[in-house]
Amino acid sequence: MGKVWVITIAAIVFIVLSFLFYKSMRGYVREEYGKKWLTLWGNKLYFWQSLVFVSMAGTALIMYILKWSDVLDF
């Protein structure tokens, strides 16, 4: 499998994980902290930093599992 396909699969996994994290955590943050919490710039930065970190870690884990199970070859 070419490197382009591996990068494409990783990007798709990253986007899907980001979307799932965003949808689940945005509702939780609104309920726990109120609507005003996400209007402050520092809080938005913290939210998006955590989204990127969780998505990167999840993508790395999924790509490792796919490589370990011989689904991907890179």
C-alpha atoms as a PDB file:
ATOM      1  CA  MET A   1       0.000   0.000   0.000  1.00  0.00           C
ATOM      2  CA  GLY A   2       1.432   3.351  -0.993  1.00  0.00           C
ATOM      3  CA  LYS A   3       2.358   6.082   1.404  1.00  0.00           C
ATOM      4  CA  VAL A   4      -0.378   8.285  -0.007  1.00  0.00           C
ATOM      5  CA  TRP A   5      -3.030   5.797   1.112  1.00  0.00           C
ATOM      6  CA  VAL A   6      -1.534   5.515   4.592  1.00  0.00           C
ATOM      7  CA  ILE A   7      -1.511   9.304   4.984  1.00  0.00           C
ATOM      8  CA  THR A   8      -5.079   9.493   3.647  1.00  0.00           C
ATOM      9  CA  ILE A   9      -6.282   6.854   6.113  1.00  0.00           C
ATOM     10  CA  ALA A  10      -4.502   8.642   8.970  1.00  0.00           C
ATOM     11  CA  ALA A  11      -6.079  11.970   7.982  1.00  0.00           C
ATOM     12  CA  ILE A  12      -9.545  10.427   7.801  1.00  0.00           C
ATOM     13  CA  VAL A  13      -9.108   8.767  11.201  1.00  0.00           C
ATOM     14  CA  PHE A  14      -7.884  12.076  12.669  1.00  0.00           C
ATOM     15  CA  ILE A  15     -10.863  14.006  11.275  1.00  0.00           C
ATOM     16  CA  VAL A  16     -13.375  11.421  12.481  1.00  0.00           C
ATOM     17  CA  LEU A  17     -11.877  11.337  15.975  1.00  0.00           C
ATOM     18  CA  SER A  18     -11.805  15.140  16.084  1.00  0.00           C
ATOM     19  CA  PHE A  19     -15.451  15.333  15.072  1.00  0.00           C
ATOM     20  CA  LEU A  20     -16.506  12.749  17.673  1.00  0.00           C
ATOM     21  CA  PHE A  21     -14.522  14.490  20.422  1.00  0.00           C
ATOM     22  CA  TYR A  22     -15.953  17.883  19.442  1.00  0.00           C
ATOM     23  CA  LYS A  23     -19.560  16.661  19.414  1.00  0.00           C
ATOM     24  CA  SER A  24     -19.281  14.820  22.721  1.00  0.00           C
ATOM     25  CA  MET A  25     -17.273  17.380  24.683  1.00  0.00           C
ATOM     26  CA  ARG A  26     -18.992  20.539  23.440  1.00  0.00           C
ATOM     27  CA  GLY A  27     -22.303  19.446  24.928  1.00  0.00           C
ATOM     28  CA  TYR A  28     -20.604  18.421  28.162  1.00  0.00           C
ATOM     29  CA  VAL A  29     -18.784  21.757  28.477  1.00  0.00           C
ATOM     30  CA  ARG A  30     -21.991  23.722  27.865  1.00  0.00           C
ATOM     31  CA  GLU A  31     -23.860  21.766  30.534  1.00  0.00           C
ATOM     32  CA  GLU A  32     -21.103  21.912  33.148  1.00  0.00           C
ATOM     33  CA  TYR A  33     -19.643  25.388  32.639  1.00  0.00           C
ATOM     34  CA  GLY A  34     -22.267  27.340  30.730  1.00  0.00           C
ATOM     35  CA  LYS A  35     -22.294  28.957  27.313  1.00  0.00           C
ATOM     36  CA  LYS A  36     -19.977  31.791  28.347  1.00  0.00           C
ATOM     37  CA  TRP A  37     -17.069  29.449  29.084  1.00  0.00           C
ATOM     38  CA  LEU A  38     -16.372  28.778  25.411  1.00  0.00           C
ATOM     39  CA  THR A  39     -16.590  32.438  24.428  1.00  0.00           C
ATOM     40  CA  LEU A  40     -13.348  33.306  26.229  1.00  0.00           C
ATOM     41  CA  TRP A  41     -10.255  33.008  24.046  1.00  0.00           C
ATOM     42  CA  GLY A  42      -8.131  31.144  26.593  1.00  0.00           C
ATOM     43  CA  ASN A  43     -10.815  28.554  27.215  1.00  0.00           C
ATOM     44  CA  LYS A  44     -11.309  28.011  23.479  1.00  0.00           C
ATOM     45  CA  LEU A  45      -7.575  27.481  23.104  1.00  0.00           C
ATOM     46  CA  TYR A  46      -7.593  24.911  25.904  1.00  0.00           C
ATOM     47  CA  PHE A  47     -10.553  23.096  24.317  1.00  0.00           C
ATOM     48  CA  TRP A  48      -8.939  22.938  20.847  1.00  0.00           C
ATOM     49  CA  GLN A  49      -5.552  21.925  22.266  1.00  0.00           C
ATOM     50  CA  SER A  50      -7.154  19.011  24.051  1.00  0.00           C
ATOM     51  CA  LEU A  51      -9.071  18.088  20.873  1.00  0.00           C
ATOM     52  CA  VAL A  52      -5.878  17.984  18.809  1.00  0.00           C
ATOM     53  CA  PHE A  53      -3.973  16.035  21.471  1.00  0.00           C
ATOM     54  CA  VAL A  54      -6.693  13.406  21.929  1.00  0.00           C
ATOM     55  CA  SER A  55      -7.172  13.053  18.170  1.00  0.00           C
ATOM     56  CA  MET A  56      -3.431  12.674  17.553  1.00  0.00           C
ATOM     57  CA  ALA A  57      -3.064  10.088  20.299  1.00  0.00           C
ATOM     58  CA  GLY A  58      -6.123   8.186  19.069  1.00  0.00           C
ATOM     59  CA  THR A  59      -4.893   8.290  15.476  1.00  0.00           C
ATOM     60  CA  ALA A  60      -1.463   6.998  16.490  1.00  0.00           C
ATOM     61  CA  LEU A  61      -3.076   4.182  18.479  1.00  0.00           C
ATOM     62  CA  ILE A  62      -5.424   3.189  15.652  1.00  0.00           C
ATOM     63  CA  MET A  63      -2.621   3.311  13.069  1.00  0.00           C
ATOM     64  CA  TYR A  64      -0.436   1.150  15.342  1.00  0.00           C
ATOM     65  CA  ILE A  65      -3.255  -1.380  15.745  1.00  0.00           C
ATOM     66  CA  LEU A  66      -3.835  -1.439  11.977  1.00  0.00           C
ATOM     67  CA  LYS A  67      -0.106  -1.987  11.360  1.00  0.00           C
ATOM     68  CA  TRP A  68       0.112  -4.660  14.060  1.00  0.00           C
ATOM     69  CA  SER A  69      -2.840  -6.550  12.603  1.00  0.00           C
ATOM     70  CA  ASP A  70      -1.268  -6.364   9.095  1.00  0.00           C
ATOM     71  CA  VAL A  71      -4.107  -4.320   7.641  1.00  0.00           C
ATOM     72  CA  LEU A  72      -1.684  -1.533   6.723  1.00  0.00           C
ATOM     73  CA  ASP A  73       1.857  -2.027   5.486  1.00  0.00           C
ATOM     74  CA  PHE A  74       4.195   0.920   5.958  1.00  0.00           C
END
